[in-house]
């Protein structure tokens, strides 16, 4: 009986993750279409999604390339946006597992959405299952969406009119709302981080406000000491 109670309900995890997967696939379609209609060959967004696998960094890198920038500038823009995953990796280090293979694959699956979904679970066993179920599912759906968008190309028209840029932020908000309701310290830290990000958004490049939002962790740490 105890074993059954501790076994993660995979069907429930899949059900909870399905909407975010759907959003990821749709945004992946947009990315693939934007890259190809901008003049890049189909293989570029496809390979980038498999190897880099970082939505915002991929959009930024492709944007630099389509604007006439070189590969070095595109890579630098992507790396800047991806620095936030270092903090995310620390947050899920114990969840991923201890084996080298698990850590190698798990590090590749670390995204904003995967970390948020995993940490929202109530116990360590469920967090680990949530990380792997959500992470592998999102990876598969994202890459399938990118391939579909790249092959569709001009047939999709202007992807900006679909409002796809709001899909992931909306899903992330849905994932963190339970934690915000239950923990006052998390709520205060989130408010400080959001205020810092909003304050600098008009003056800094895209992606930097996300990094500055981590300043909210300072308030969270002080709350723990008190």
N, C-alpha and C. Protein backbone atom coordinates (compact mmCIF):
# COMPACT_ATOMS: atom_id res chain seq x y z
N UNK A 1 0.84 -1.20 0.00
CA UNK A 1 0.00 0.00 0.00
C UNK A 1 0.87 1.25 0.00
N UNK A 2 1.94 1.21 0.82
CA UNK A 2 2.82 2.37 0.91
C UNK A 2 3.51 2.62 -0.42
N UNK A 3 3.91 1.52 -1.10
CA UNK A 3 4.55 1.68 -2.40
C UNK A 3 3.61 2.32 -3.40
N UNK A 4 2.37 1.89 -3.39
CA UNK A 4 1.38 2.45 -4.30
C UNK A 4 1.16 3.93 -4.05
N UNK A 5 1.21 4.31 -2.75
CA UNK A 5 0.99 5.71 -2.43
C UNK A 5 2.16 6.58 -2.90
N UNK A 6 3.36 5.99 -2.91
CA UNK A 6 4.52 6.77 -3.27
C UNK A 6 4.79 6.78 -4.77
N UNK A 7 4.10 5.92 -5.50
CA UNK A 7 4.29 5.88 -6.95
C UNK A 7 3.64 7.09 -7.58
N UNK A 8 4.39 7.87 -8.34
CA UNK A 8 3.82 9.08 -8.96
C UNK A 8 2.69 8.72 -9.91
N UNK A 9 1.68 9.55 -9.93
CA UNK A 9 0.55 9.35 -10.84
C UNK A 9 0.93 9.94 -12.19
N UNK A 10 1.52 9.11 -13.04
CA UNK A 10 2.05 9.61 -14.30
C UNK A 10 0.94 10.17 -15.19
N UNK A 11 -0.22 9.53 -15.16
CA UNK A 11 -1.31 10.02 -16.00
C UNK A 11 -1.73 11.42 -15.60
N UNK A 12 -1.70 11.71 -14.31
CA UNK A 12 -2.06 13.05 -13.85
C UNK A 12 -0.98 14.06 -14.24
N UNK A 13 0.29 13.65 -14.18
CA UNK A 13 1.37 14.54 -14.60
C UNK A 13 1.26 14.86 -16.09
N UNK A 14 0.95 13.84 -16.89
CA UNK A 14 0.79 14.06 -18.32
C UNK A 14 -0.39 14.99 -18.59
N UNK A 15 -1.47 14.79 -17.86
CA UNK A 15 -2.64 15.66 -18.04
C UNK A 15 -2.31 17.10 -17.68
N UNK A 16 -1.60 17.30 -16.56
CA UNK A 16 -1.26 18.65 -16.14
C UNK A 16 -0.27 19.33 -17.09
N UNK A 17 0.59 18.51 -17.70
CA UNK A 17 1.62 19.06 -18.58
C UNK A 17 1.11 19.31 -20.00
N UNK A 18 0.00 18.70 -20.36
CA UNK A 18 -0.43 18.69 -21.77
C UNK A 18 -0.66 20.09 -22.34
N UNK A 19 -1.23 21.00 -21.55
CA UNK A 19 -1.48 22.34 -22.07
C UNK A 19 -0.19 23.10 -22.34
N UNK A 20 0.80 22.90 -21.46
CA UNK A 20 2.08 23.57 -21.68
C UNK A 20 2.79 22.96 -22.89
N UNK A 21 2.68 21.66 -23.05
CA UNK A 21 3.24 21.01 -24.24
C UNK A 21 2.60 21.59 -25.50
N UNK A 22 1.29 21.76 -25.44
CA UNK A 22 0.58 22.31 -26.59
C UNK A 22 1.10 23.71 -26.93
N UNK A 23 1.26 24.53 -25.89
CA UNK A 23 1.79 25.88 -26.10
C UNK A 23 3.20 25.82 -26.67
N UNK A 24 4.01 24.89 -26.16
CA UNK A 24 5.37 24.74 -26.66
C UNK A 24 5.40 24.35 -28.12
N UNK A 25 4.52 23.43 -28.51
CA UNK A 25 4.47 23.01 -29.91
C UNK A 25 4.06 24.15 -30.82
N UNK A 26 3.10 24.95 -30.38
CA UNK A 26 2.62 26.07 -31.20
C UNK A 26 3.71 27.11 -31.37
N UNK A 27 4.41 27.43 -30.28
CA UNK A 27 5.50 28.41 -30.38
C UNK A 27 6.64 27.83 -31.22
N UNK A 28 6.87 26.52 -31.13
CA UNK A 28 7.88 25.88 -31.97
C UNK A 28 7.56 26.01 -33.45
N UNK A 29 6.28 25.86 -33.78
CA UNK A 29 5.85 26.06 -35.17
C UNK A 29 6.18 27.48 -35.62
N UNK A 30 5.91 28.44 -34.75
CA UNK A 30 6.21 29.84 -35.07
C UNK A 30 7.69 30.04 -35.30
N UNK A 31 8.51 29.46 -34.45
CA UNK A 31 9.96 29.62 -34.59
C UNK A 31 10.46 29.04 -35.91
N UNK A 32 10.02 27.82 -36.22
CA UNK A 32 10.43 27.20 -37.47
C UNK A 32 10.01 28.00 -38.68
N UNK A 33 8.79 28.52 -38.66
CA UNK A 33 8.29 29.30 -39.79
C UNK A 33 9.03 30.62 -39.93
N UNK A 34 9.29 31.30 -38.82
CA UNK A 34 10.00 32.58 -38.86
C UNK A 34 11.41 32.40 -39.43
N UNK A 35 12.09 31.35 -38.98
CA UNK A 35 13.45 31.12 -39.44
C UNK A 35 13.50 30.87 -40.94
N UNK A 36 12.59 30.03 -41.43
CA UNK A 36 12.62 29.66 -42.85
C UNK A 36 12.13 30.79 -43.74
N UNK A 37 11.06 31.46 -43.34
CA UNK A 37 10.56 32.57 -44.16
C UNK A 37 11.55 33.74 -44.16
N UNK A 38 12.40 33.81 -43.15
CA UNK A 38 13.41 34.86 -43.11
C UNK A 38 14.59 34.58 -44.03
N UNK A 39 14.65 33.36 -44.56
CA UNK A 39 15.71 33.04 -45.50
C UNK A 39 16.66 31.95 -45.08
N UNK A 40 16.50 31.41 -43.86
CA UNK A 40 17.38 30.34 -43.41
C UNK A 40 16.92 28.99 -43.97
N UNK A 41 17.83 28.07 -44.23
CA UNK A 41 17.43 26.75 -44.70
C UNK A 41 16.71 25.97 -43.60
N UNK A 42 15.93 24.99 -43.99
CA UNK A 42 15.11 24.23 -43.04
C UNK A 42 15.95 23.59 -41.95
N UNK A 43 17.13 23.12 -42.30
CA UNK A 43 17.93 22.37 -41.32
C UNK A 43 18.42 23.25 -40.17
N UNK A 44 18.53 24.56 -40.37
CA UNK A 44 19.07 25.43 -39.31
C UNK A 44 18.18 25.45 -38.07
N UNK A 45 16.89 25.80 -38.18
CA UNK A 45 16.06 25.78 -36.97
C UNK A 45 15.87 24.39 -36.39
N UNK A 46 15.87 23.36 -37.25
CA UNK A 46 15.69 22.00 -36.77
C UNK A 46 16.88 21.54 -35.94
N UNK A 47 18.08 21.72 -36.48
CA UNK A 47 19.29 21.32 -35.75
C UNK A 47 19.47 22.17 -34.50
N UNK A 48 19.19 23.47 -34.62
CA UNK A 48 19.31 24.36 -33.47
C UNK A 48 18.40 23.91 -32.34
N UNK A 49 17.20 23.49 -32.67
CA UNK A 49 16.25 23.07 -31.64
C UNK A 49 16.68 21.78 -30.95
N UNK A 50 17.30 20.89 -31.71
CA UNK A 50 17.78 19.64 -31.14
C UNK A 50 19.00 19.85 -30.25
N UNK A 51 19.92 20.69 -30.70
CA UNK A 51 21.20 20.84 -30.01
C UNK A 51 21.16 21.92 -28.95
N UNK A 52 20.57 23.07 -29.28
CA UNK A 52 20.52 24.18 -28.32
C UNK A 52 19.34 24.03 -27.38
N UNK A 53 18.16 23.82 -27.93
CA UNK A 53 16.92 23.63 -27.18
C UNK A 53 16.72 24.70 -26.11
N UNK A 54 16.51 25.93 -26.57
CA UNK A 54 16.25 27.05 -25.67
C UNK A 54 15.45 28.07 -26.45
N UNK A 55 14.13 28.07 -26.24
CA UNK A 55 13.24 28.87 -27.06
C UNK A 55 13.62 30.33 -27.22
N UNK A 56 13.75 31.05 -26.11
CA UNK A 56 14.05 32.48 -26.20
C UNK A 56 15.41 32.73 -26.82
N UNK A 57 16.39 31.88 -26.47
CA UNK A 57 17.73 32.03 -27.03
C UNK A 57 17.73 31.75 -28.53
N UNK A 58 16.92 30.78 -28.96
CA UNK A 58 16.83 30.47 -30.38
C UNK A 58 16.19 31.62 -31.15
N UNK A 59 15.12 32.19 -30.63
CA UNK A 59 14.49 33.34 -31.28
C UNK A 59 15.48 34.50 -31.39
N UNK A 60 16.24 34.72 -30.31
CA UNK A 60 17.19 35.82 -30.30
C UNK A 60 18.30 35.58 -31.33
N UNK A 61 18.84 34.37 -31.36
CA UNK A 61 19.92 34.06 -32.29
C UNK A 61 19.46 34.19 -33.75
N UNK A 62 18.27 33.67 -34.03
CA UNK A 62 17.74 33.77 -35.39
C UNK A 62 17.46 35.22 -35.75
N UNK A 63 16.98 35.99 -34.79
CA UNK A 63 16.73 37.40 -35.03
C UNK A 63 18.01 38.13 -35.42
N UNK A 64 19.11 37.82 -34.73
CA UNK A 64 20.40 38.44 -35.06
C UNK A 64 20.84 38.03 -36.46
N UNK A 65 20.69 36.74 -36.79
CA UNK A 65 21.09 36.27 -38.11
C UNK A 65 20.28 36.92 -39.22
N UNK A 66 18.97 37.02 -39.01
CA UNK A 66 18.11 37.60 -40.04
C UNK A 66 18.33 39.11 -40.18
N UNK A 67 18.85 39.72 -39.12
CA UNK A 67 19.13 41.15 -39.18
C UNK A 67 20.49 41.45 -39.82
N UNK A 68 21.20 40.40 -40.17
CA UNK A 68 22.48 40.59 -40.82
C UNK A 68 23.68 40.35 -39.94
N UNK A 69 23.45 39.98 -38.68
CA UNK A 69 24.56 39.70 -37.78
C UNK A 69 25.23 38.37 -38.10
N UNK A 70 26.45 38.20 -37.64
CA UNK A 70 27.18 36.97 -37.90
C UNK A 70 26.90 35.90 -36.87
N UNK A 71 27.44 34.70 -37.08
CA UNK A 71 27.23 33.59 -36.14
C UNK A 71 27.73 33.88 -34.74
N UNK A 72 28.83 34.63 -34.62
CA UNK A 72 29.38 34.94 -33.30
C UNK A 72 28.42 35.82 -32.51
N UNK A 73 27.87 36.84 -33.16
CA UNK A 73 26.91 37.72 -32.49
C UNK A 73 25.64 36.97 -32.12
N UNK A 74 25.20 36.08 -33.00
CA UNK A 74 24.00 35.28 -32.72
C UNK A 74 24.23 34.36 -31.52
N UNK A 75 25.40 33.72 -31.49
CA UNK A 75 25.71 32.83 -30.38
C UNK A 75 25.83 33.61 -29.07
N UNK A 76 26.41 34.80 -29.12
CA UNK A 76 26.56 35.62 -27.91
C UNK A 76 25.19 36.03 -27.36
N UNK A 77 24.27 36.39 -28.25
CA UNK A 77 22.92 36.77 -27.81
C UNK A 77 22.23 35.58 -27.16
N UNK A 78 22.36 34.41 -27.76
CA UNK A 78 21.75 33.22 -27.18
C UNK A 78 22.34 32.85 -25.84
N UNK A 79 23.66 32.95 -25.72
CA UNK A 79 24.32 32.62 -24.46
C UNK A 79 23.90 33.58 -23.35
N UNK A 80 23.75 34.85 -23.68
CA UNK A 80 23.33 35.83 -22.68
C UNK A 80 21.96 35.46 -22.11
N UNK A 81 21.05 35.11 -23.00
CA UNK A 81 19.71 34.76 -22.53
C UNK A 81 19.71 33.45 -21.74
N UNK A 82 20.62 32.55 -22.08
CA UNK A 82 20.61 31.24 -21.43
C UNK A 82 21.36 31.20 -20.11
N UNK A 83 21.99 32.31 -19.71
CA UNK A 83 22.70 32.29 -18.43
C UNK A 83 21.76 32.05 -17.26
N UNK A 84 20.49 32.36 -17.43
CA UNK A 84 19.55 32.17 -16.33
C UNK A 84 19.37 30.69 -16.00
N UNK A 85 19.64 29.81 -16.96
CA UNK A 85 19.45 28.38 -16.69
C UNK A 85 20.47 27.85 -15.69
N UNK A 86 21.55 28.59 -15.43
CA UNK A 86 22.51 28.17 -14.41
C UNK A 86 21.83 28.12 -13.05
N UNK A 87 21.04 29.17 -12.75
CA UNK A 87 20.30 29.18 -11.48
C UNK A 87 19.23 28.10 -11.46
N UNK A 88 18.57 27.90 -12.59
CA UNK A 88 17.54 26.86 -12.67
C UNK A 88 18.15 25.48 -12.42
N UNK A 89 19.34 25.25 -12.98
CA UNK A 89 20.00 23.95 -12.83
C UNK A 89 20.32 23.67 -11.36
N UNK A 90 20.73 24.68 -10.63
CA UNK A 90 21.00 24.50 -9.21
C UNK A 90 19.72 24.13 -8.46
N UNK A 91 18.60 24.69 -8.90
CA UNK A 91 17.33 24.43 -8.22
C UNK A 91 16.87 22.99 -8.39
N UNK A 92 17.24 22.36 -9.49
CA UNK A 92 16.77 20.99 -9.75
C UNK A 92 17.90 19.97 -9.73
N UNK A 93 19.06 20.34 -9.22
CA UNK A 93 20.22 19.44 -9.23
C UNK A 93 19.92 18.13 -8.53
N UNK A 94 19.26 18.19 -7.39
CA UNK A 94 18.94 16.97 -6.64
C UNK A 94 17.79 16.19 -7.26
N UNK A 95 16.98 16.86 -8.05
CA UNK A 95 15.82 16.21 -8.66
C UNK A 95 16.25 15.35 -9.84
N UNK A 96 17.20 15.84 -10.62
CA UNK A 96 17.60 15.17 -11.85
C UNK A 96 18.14 13.77 -11.59
N UNK A 97 18.99 13.62 -10.58
CA UNK A 97 19.62 12.34 -10.29
C UNK A 97 21.12 12.52 -10.16
N UNK A 98 21.80 11.46 -9.74
CA UNK A 98 23.23 11.56 -9.47
C UNK A 98 24.11 10.98 -10.56
N UNK A 99 23.58 10.12 -11.41
CA UNK A 99 24.38 9.51 -12.46
C UNK A 99 24.82 10.52 -13.50
N UNK A 100 25.97 10.26 -14.14
CA UNK A 100 26.50 11.20 -15.13
C UNK A 100 25.56 11.32 -16.33
N UNK A 101 25.02 10.20 -16.77
CA UNK A 101 24.12 10.24 -17.92
C UNK A 101 22.85 11.01 -17.60
N UNK A 102 22.31 10.77 -16.40
CA UNK A 102 21.11 11.48 -15.98
C UNK A 102 21.35 12.97 -15.91
N UNK A 103 22.49 13.36 -15.38
CA UNK A 103 22.80 14.79 -15.26
C UNK A 103 23.05 15.43 -16.63
N UNK A 104 23.69 14.67 -17.53
CA UNK A 104 23.96 15.20 -18.86
C UNK A 104 22.65 15.43 -19.62
N UNK A 105 21.78 14.42 -19.62
CA UNK A 105 20.50 14.56 -20.33
C UNK A 105 19.60 15.56 -19.62
N UNK A 106 19.58 15.47 -18.29
CA UNK A 106 18.73 16.37 -17.53
C UNK A 106 19.09 17.83 -17.72
N UNK A 107 20.40 18.12 -17.80
CA UNK A 107 20.84 19.50 -18.01
C UNK A 107 20.31 20.03 -19.34
N UNK A 108 20.23 19.16 -20.33
CA UNK A 108 19.75 19.60 -21.65
C UNK A 108 18.25 19.88 -21.62
N UNK A 109 17.54 19.25 -20.69
CA UNK A 109 16.09 19.42 -20.61
C UNK A 109 15.67 20.58 -19.71
N UNK A 110 16.63 21.23 -19.06
CA UNK A 110 16.30 22.32 -18.14
C UNK A 110 15.78 23.52 -18.91
N UNK A 111 14.54 23.89 -18.65
CA UNK A 111 13.93 25.10 -19.20
C UNK A 111 13.13 25.76 -18.10
N UNK A 112 12.71 26.99 -18.34
CA UNK A 112 11.88 27.69 -17.36
C UNK A 112 10.66 26.86 -16.98
N UNK A 113 9.99 26.33 -18.01
CA UNK A 113 8.73 25.62 -17.79
C UNK A 113 8.94 24.30 -17.06
N UNK A 114 9.99 23.57 -17.44
CA UNK A 114 10.25 22.28 -16.82
C UNK A 114 10.59 22.44 -15.35
N UNK A 115 11.42 23.42 -15.04
CA UNK A 115 11.79 23.66 -13.64
C UNK A 115 10.58 24.09 -12.82
N UNK A 116 9.78 24.99 -13.37
CA UNK A 116 8.59 25.45 -12.65
C UNK A 116 7.62 24.29 -12.40
N UNK A 117 7.43 23.45 -13.39
CA UNK A 117 6.51 22.32 -13.25
C UNK A 117 7.02 21.32 -12.21
N UNK A 118 8.31 21.05 -12.23
CA UNK A 118 8.88 20.09 -11.28
C UNK A 118 8.82 20.60 -9.85
N UNK A 119 9.23 21.85 -9.64
CA UNK A 119 9.26 22.40 -8.28
C UNK A 119 7.88 22.64 -7.72
N UNK A 120 6.86 22.65 -8.57
CA UNK A 120 5.49 22.84 -8.09
C UNK A 120 4.91 21.58 -7.45
N UNK A 121 5.60 20.45 -7.59
CA UNK A 121 5.10 19.19 -7.05
C UNK A 121 5.34 19.11 -5.55
N UNK A 122 4.52 18.35 -4.83
CA UNK A 122 4.55 18.39 -3.36
C UNK A 122 5.64 17.56 -2.68
N UNK A 123 6.28 16.61 -3.36
CA UNK A 123 7.28 15.77 -2.70
C UNK A 123 8.41 15.41 -3.67
N UNK A 124 9.57 14.97 -3.15
CA UNK A 124 10.74 14.70 -4.00
C UNK A 124 10.49 13.65 -5.09
N UNK A 125 9.77 12.58 -4.76
CA UNK A 125 9.52 11.53 -5.74
C UNK A 125 8.72 12.07 -6.91
N UNK A 126 7.70 12.84 -6.59
CA UNK A 126 6.87 13.40 -7.64
C UNK A 126 7.60 14.48 -8.43
N UNK A 127 8.47 15.22 -7.76
CA UNK A 127 9.24 16.25 -8.47
C UNK A 127 10.16 15.63 -9.52
N UNK A 128 10.81 14.53 -9.15
CA UNK A 128 11.70 13.88 -10.12
C UNK A 128 10.91 13.34 -11.30
N UNK A 129 9.79 12.68 -11.00
CA UNK A 129 8.97 12.16 -12.09
C UNK A 129 8.45 13.29 -12.97
N UNK A 130 8.03 14.39 -12.34
CA UNK A 130 7.50 15.53 -13.10
C UNK A 130 8.57 16.12 -14.00
N UNK A 131 9.79 16.22 -13.50
CA UNK A 131 10.87 16.79 -14.31
C UNK A 131 11.08 15.97 -15.58
N UNK A 132 11.18 14.65 -15.44
CA UNK A 132 11.48 13.81 -16.59
C UNK A 132 10.29 13.67 -17.52
N UNK A 133 9.09 13.53 -16.97
CA UNK A 133 7.90 13.42 -17.82
C UNK A 133 7.68 14.72 -18.59
N UNK A 134 7.70 15.82 -17.87
CA UNK A 134 7.47 17.12 -18.51
C UNK A 134 8.60 17.47 -19.47
N UNK A 135 9.85 17.28 -19.01
CA UNK A 135 10.99 17.67 -19.81
C UNK A 135 11.11 16.92 -21.13
N UNK A 136 10.95 15.60 -21.09
CA UNK A 136 11.04 14.83 -22.32
C UNK A 136 9.86 15.12 -23.24
N UNK A 137 8.69 15.30 -22.66
CA UNK A 137 7.51 15.62 -23.47
C UNK A 137 7.64 16.96 -24.16
N UNK A 138 8.12 17.97 -23.43
CA UNK A 138 8.27 19.30 -24.01
C UNK A 138 9.35 19.30 -25.09
N UNK A 139 10.42 18.57 -24.86
CA UNK A 139 11.49 18.47 -25.86
C UNK A 139 10.96 17.88 -27.17
N UNK A 140 10.17 16.80 -27.04
CA UNK A 140 9.63 16.14 -28.23
C UNK A 140 8.65 17.05 -28.97
N UNK A 141 7.75 17.69 -28.22
CA UNK A 141 6.73 18.53 -28.85
C UNK A 141 7.35 19.77 -29.47
N UNK A 142 8.30 20.38 -28.78
CA UNK A 142 8.96 21.57 -29.31
C UNK A 142 9.63 21.27 -30.64
N UNK A 143 10.39 20.19 -30.68
CA UNK A 143 11.12 19.85 -31.91
C UNK A 143 10.17 19.44 -33.04
N UNK A 144 9.09 18.76 -32.70
CA UNK A 144 8.10 18.42 -33.72
C UNK A 144 7.46 19.69 -34.27
N UNK A 145 7.18 20.65 -33.40
CA UNK A 145 6.59 21.91 -33.83
C UNK A 145 7.53 22.71 -34.72
N UNK A 146 8.81 22.75 -34.34
CA UNK A 146 9.80 23.47 -35.15
C UNK A 146 9.90 22.86 -36.53
N UNK A 147 9.95 21.53 -36.61
CA UNK A 147 10.04 20.86 -37.91
C UNK A 147 8.81 21.17 -38.76
N UNK A 148 7.63 21.11 -38.13
CA UNK A 148 6.40 21.40 -38.87
C UNK A 148 6.39 22.84 -39.38
N UNK A 149 6.80 23.78 -38.53
CA UNK A 149 6.82 25.18 -38.94
C UNK A 149 7.83 25.44 -40.03
N UNK A 150 9.00 24.80 -39.93
CA UNK A 150 10.03 24.99 -40.96
C UNK A 150 9.58 24.44 -42.30
N UNK A 151 8.89 23.30 -42.28
CA UNK A 151 8.41 22.72 -43.53
C UNK A 151 7.24 23.51 -44.11
N UNK A 152 6.41 24.09 -43.22
CA UNK A 152 5.26 24.87 -43.69
C UNK A 152 5.71 26.20 -44.28
N UNK A 153 6.70 26.83 -43.63
CA UNK A 153 7.26 28.08 -44.14
C UNK A 153 6.23 29.17 -44.35
N UNK A 154 6.15 29.69 -45.56
CA UNK A 154 5.29 30.83 -45.88
C UNK A 154 3.81 30.53 -45.76
N UNK A 155 3.44 29.26 -45.73
CA UNK A 155 2.02 28.91 -45.68
C UNK A 155 1.35 29.44 -44.42
N UNK A 156 2.11 29.66 -43.36
CA UNK A 156 1.53 30.13 -42.10
C UNK A 156 1.31 31.64 -42.08
N UNK A 157 1.94 32.36 -42.99
CA UNK A 157 1.79 33.80 -43.01
C UNK A 157 2.54 34.45 -41.87
N UNK A 158 2.03 35.57 -41.40
CA UNK A 158 2.67 36.33 -40.31
C UNK A 158 2.31 35.69 -38.98
N UNK A 159 3.25 35.01 -38.35
CA UNK A 159 2.96 34.32 -37.08
C UNK A 159 2.74 35.29 -35.92
N UNK A 160 3.18 36.54 -36.06
CA UNK A 160 3.02 37.51 -34.97
C UNK A 160 1.56 37.80 -34.66
N UNK A 161 0.70 37.64 -35.66
CA UNK A 161 -0.71 37.99 -35.43
C UNK A 161 -1.43 36.98 -34.54
N UNK A 162 -0.82 35.82 -34.30
CA UNK A 162 -1.44 34.82 -33.45
C UNK A 162 -1.23 35.08 -31.95
N UNK A 163 -0.36 36.03 -31.64
CA UNK A 163 -0.11 36.33 -30.23
C UNK A 163 0.62 35.22 -29.51
N UNK A 164 1.49 34.50 -30.21
CA UNK A 164 2.18 33.35 -29.63
C UNK A 164 3.17 33.75 -28.54
N UNK A 165 3.61 35.02 -28.56
CA UNK A 165 4.59 35.44 -27.57
C UNK A 165 4.02 35.43 -26.16
N UNK A 166 2.70 35.39 -26.04
CA UNK A 166 2.08 35.38 -24.71
C UNK A 166 1.80 33.98 -24.21
N UNK A 167 1.99 32.97 -25.02
CA UNK A 167 1.61 31.60 -24.65
C UNK A 167 2.43 31.08 -23.47
N UNK A 168 3.76 31.14 -23.58
CA UNK A 168 4.60 30.60 -22.52
C UNK A 168 4.49 31.39 -21.21
N UNK A 169 4.53 32.74 -21.25
CA UNK A 169 4.36 33.47 -19.99
C UNK A 169 3.05 33.12 -19.28
N UNK A 170 1.99 32.94 -20.04
CA UNK A 170 0.70 32.59 -19.43
C UNK A 170 0.77 31.22 -18.76
N UNK A 171 1.42 30.27 -19.42
CA UNK A 171 1.54 28.93 -18.85
C UNK A 171 2.43 28.93 -17.62
N UNK A 172 3.52 29.70 -17.65
CA UNK A 172 4.39 29.80 -16.49
C UNK A 172 3.67 30.39 -15.29
N UNK A 173 2.85 31.40 -15.55
CA UNK A 173 2.08 32.00 -14.46
C UNK A 173 1.14 30.99 -13.84
N UNK A 174 0.51 30.17 -14.68
CA UNK A 174 -0.39 29.14 -14.17
C UNK A 174 0.36 28.12 -13.31
N UNK A 175 1.61 27.83 -13.67
CA UNK A 175 2.39 26.86 -12.92
C UNK A 175 2.80 27.37 -11.54
N UNK A 176 3.12 28.66 -11.45
CA UNK A 176 3.64 29.18 -10.18
C UNK A 176 2.56 29.74 -9.26
N UNK A 177 1.34 29.90 -9.75
CA UNK A 177 0.28 30.47 -8.91
C UNK A 177 0.05 29.71 -7.61
N UNK A 178 0.03 28.35 -7.63
CA UNK A 178 -0.18 27.65 -6.35
C UNK A 178 0.88 27.99 -5.31
N UNK A 179 2.15 28.08 -5.72
CA UNK A 179 3.22 28.42 -4.78
C UNK A 179 3.06 29.84 -4.27
N UNK A 180 2.63 30.75 -5.13
CA UNK A 180 2.44 32.14 -4.72
C UNK A 180 1.33 32.26 -3.69
N UNK A 181 0.31 31.45 -3.84
CA UNK A 181 -0.82 31.51 -2.90
C UNK A 181 -0.46 30.93 -1.53
N UNK A 182 0.41 29.92 -1.52
CA UNK A 182 0.66 29.18 -0.29
C UNK A 182 1.80 29.75 0.55
N UNK A 183 2.74 30.45 -0.05
CA UNK A 183 3.94 30.87 0.67
C UNK A 183 4.13 32.38 0.55
N UNK A 184 4.07 33.06 1.69
CA UNK A 184 4.22 34.52 1.70
C UNK A 184 5.62 34.93 1.28
N UNK A 185 6.65 34.16 1.67
CA UNK A 185 8.02 34.49 1.32
C UNK A 185 8.21 34.44 -0.20
N UNK A 186 7.66 33.42 -0.82
CA UNK A 186 7.77 33.30 -2.28
C UNK A 186 7.04 34.44 -2.96
N UNK A 187 5.88 34.82 -2.39
CA UNK A 187 5.10 35.91 -2.97
C UNK A 187 5.87 37.23 -2.92
N UNK A 188 6.52 37.51 -1.81
CA UNK A 188 7.29 38.74 -1.68
C UNK A 188 8.49 38.74 -2.62
N UNK A 189 9.17 37.60 -2.70
CA UNK A 189 10.33 37.50 -3.60
C UNK A 189 9.91 37.67 -5.05
N UNK A 190 8.77 37.09 -5.41
CA UNK A 190 8.28 37.21 -6.79
C UNK A 190 7.91 38.65 -7.12
N UNK A 191 7.31 39.35 -6.17
CA UNK A 191 6.94 40.75 -6.40
C UNK A 191 8.18 41.62 -6.59
N UNK A 192 9.22 41.39 -5.78
CA UNK A 192 10.45 42.16 -5.92
C UNK A 192 11.10 41.86 -7.27
N UNK A 193 11.16 40.59 -7.64
CA UNK A 193 11.75 40.23 -8.92
C UNK A 193 10.99 40.82 -10.09
N UNK A 194 9.66 40.76 -10.02
CA UNK A 194 8.84 41.32 -11.09
C UNK A 194 9.03 42.83 -11.20
N UNK A 195 9.11 43.52 -10.05
CA UNK A 195 9.30 44.97 -10.06
C UNK A 195 10.65 45.33 -10.68
N UNK A 196 11.69 44.57 -10.33
CA UNK A 196 13.02 44.83 -10.90
C UNK A 196 13.02 44.62 -12.40
N UNK A 197 12.37 43.55 -12.86
CA UNK A 197 12.32 43.25 -14.30
C UNK A 197 11.56 44.32 -15.06
N UNK A 198 10.42 44.75 -14.53
CA UNK A 198 9.62 45.77 -15.20
C UNK A 198 10.34 47.12 -15.26
N UNK A 199 11.09 47.42 -14.21
CA UNK A 199 11.76 48.71 -14.15
C UNK A 199 12.83 48.86 -15.23
N UNK A 200 13.51 47.76 -15.56
CA UNK A 200 14.62 47.87 -16.52
C UNK A 200 14.23 47.47 -17.94
N UNK A 201 13.03 46.94 -18.11
CA UNK A 201 12.63 46.43 -19.44
C UNK A 201 12.80 47.46 -20.57
N UNK A 202 12.42 48.73 -20.37
CA UNK A 202 12.57 49.68 -21.50
C UNK A 202 14.01 50.00 -21.86
N UNK A 203 14.96 49.69 -20.97
CA UNK A 203 16.33 50.17 -21.18
C UNK A 203 17.36 49.10 -21.49
N UNK A 204 16.99 47.83 -21.37
CA UNK A 204 17.99 46.76 -21.56
C UNK A 204 17.52 45.79 -22.63
N UNK A 205 18.44 44.99 -23.18
CA UNK A 205 18.05 44.02 -24.21
C UNK A 205 17.11 42.95 -23.67
N UNK A 206 16.38 42.32 -24.58
CA UNK A 206 15.46 41.24 -24.20
C UNK A 206 16.24 40.13 -23.51
N UNK A 207 15.67 39.59 -22.44
CA UNK A 207 16.30 38.51 -21.70
C UNK A 207 16.98 38.98 -20.43
N UNK A 208 17.52 40.19 -20.44
CA UNK A 208 18.20 40.73 -19.26
C UNK A 208 17.22 40.94 -18.10
N UNK A 209 16.00 41.44 -18.34
CA UNK A 209 15.06 41.58 -17.22
C UNK A 209 14.79 40.27 -16.48
N UNK A 210 14.82 39.15 -17.21
CA UNK A 210 14.62 37.85 -16.57
C UNK A 210 15.74 37.57 -15.58
N UNK A 211 16.97 37.91 -15.98
CA UNK A 211 18.10 37.70 -15.08
C UNK A 211 18.00 38.59 -13.85
N UNK A 212 17.61 39.84 -14.05
CA UNK A 212 17.51 40.77 -12.92
C UNK A 212 16.36 40.41 -11.99
N UNK A 213 15.39 39.67 -12.51
CA UNK A 213 14.28 39.23 -11.65
C UNK A 213 14.76 38.29 -10.55
N UNK A 214 15.93 37.68 -10.75
CA UNK A 214 16.48 36.79 -9.74
C UNK A 214 16.87 37.53 -8.46
N UNK A 215 16.89 38.87 -8.50
CA UNK A 215 17.19 39.63 -7.29
C UNK A 215 16.15 39.37 -6.21
N UNK A 216 14.97 38.91 -6.62
CA UNK A 216 13.95 38.56 -5.64
C UNK A 216 14.38 37.47 -4.69
N UNK A 217 15.33 36.63 -5.11
CA UNK A 217 15.83 35.55 -4.26
C UNK A 217 16.52 36.09 -3.02
N UNK A 218 17.07 37.30 -3.11
CA UNK A 218 17.70 37.91 -1.94
C UNK A 218 16.69 38.09 -0.82
N UNK A 219 15.52 38.60 -1.18
CA UNK A 219 14.46 38.80 -0.20
C UNK A 219 13.99 37.45 0.35
N UNK A 220 13.93 36.44 -0.51
CA UNK A 220 13.50 35.11 -0.07
C UNK A 220 14.49 34.54 0.95
N UNK A 221 15.80 34.72 0.68
CA UNK A 221 16.80 34.23 1.60
C UNK A 221 16.76 34.92 2.95
N UNK A 222 16.54 36.23 2.95
CA UNK A 222 16.45 36.96 4.20
C UNK A 222 15.23 36.55 5.00
N UNK A 223 14.15 36.25 4.27
CA UNK A 223 12.94 35.77 4.96
C UNK A 223 13.18 34.46 5.65
N UNK A 224 14.02 33.60 5.03
CA UNK A 224 14.31 32.31 5.64
C UNK A 224 15.14 32.48 6.90
N UNK A 225 16.06 33.49 6.88
CA UNK A 225 16.89 33.70 8.05
C UNK A 225 16.09 34.21 9.23
N UNK A 226 15.05 34.99 8.92
CA UNK A 226 14.20 35.52 9.98
C UNK A 226 13.33 34.42 10.55
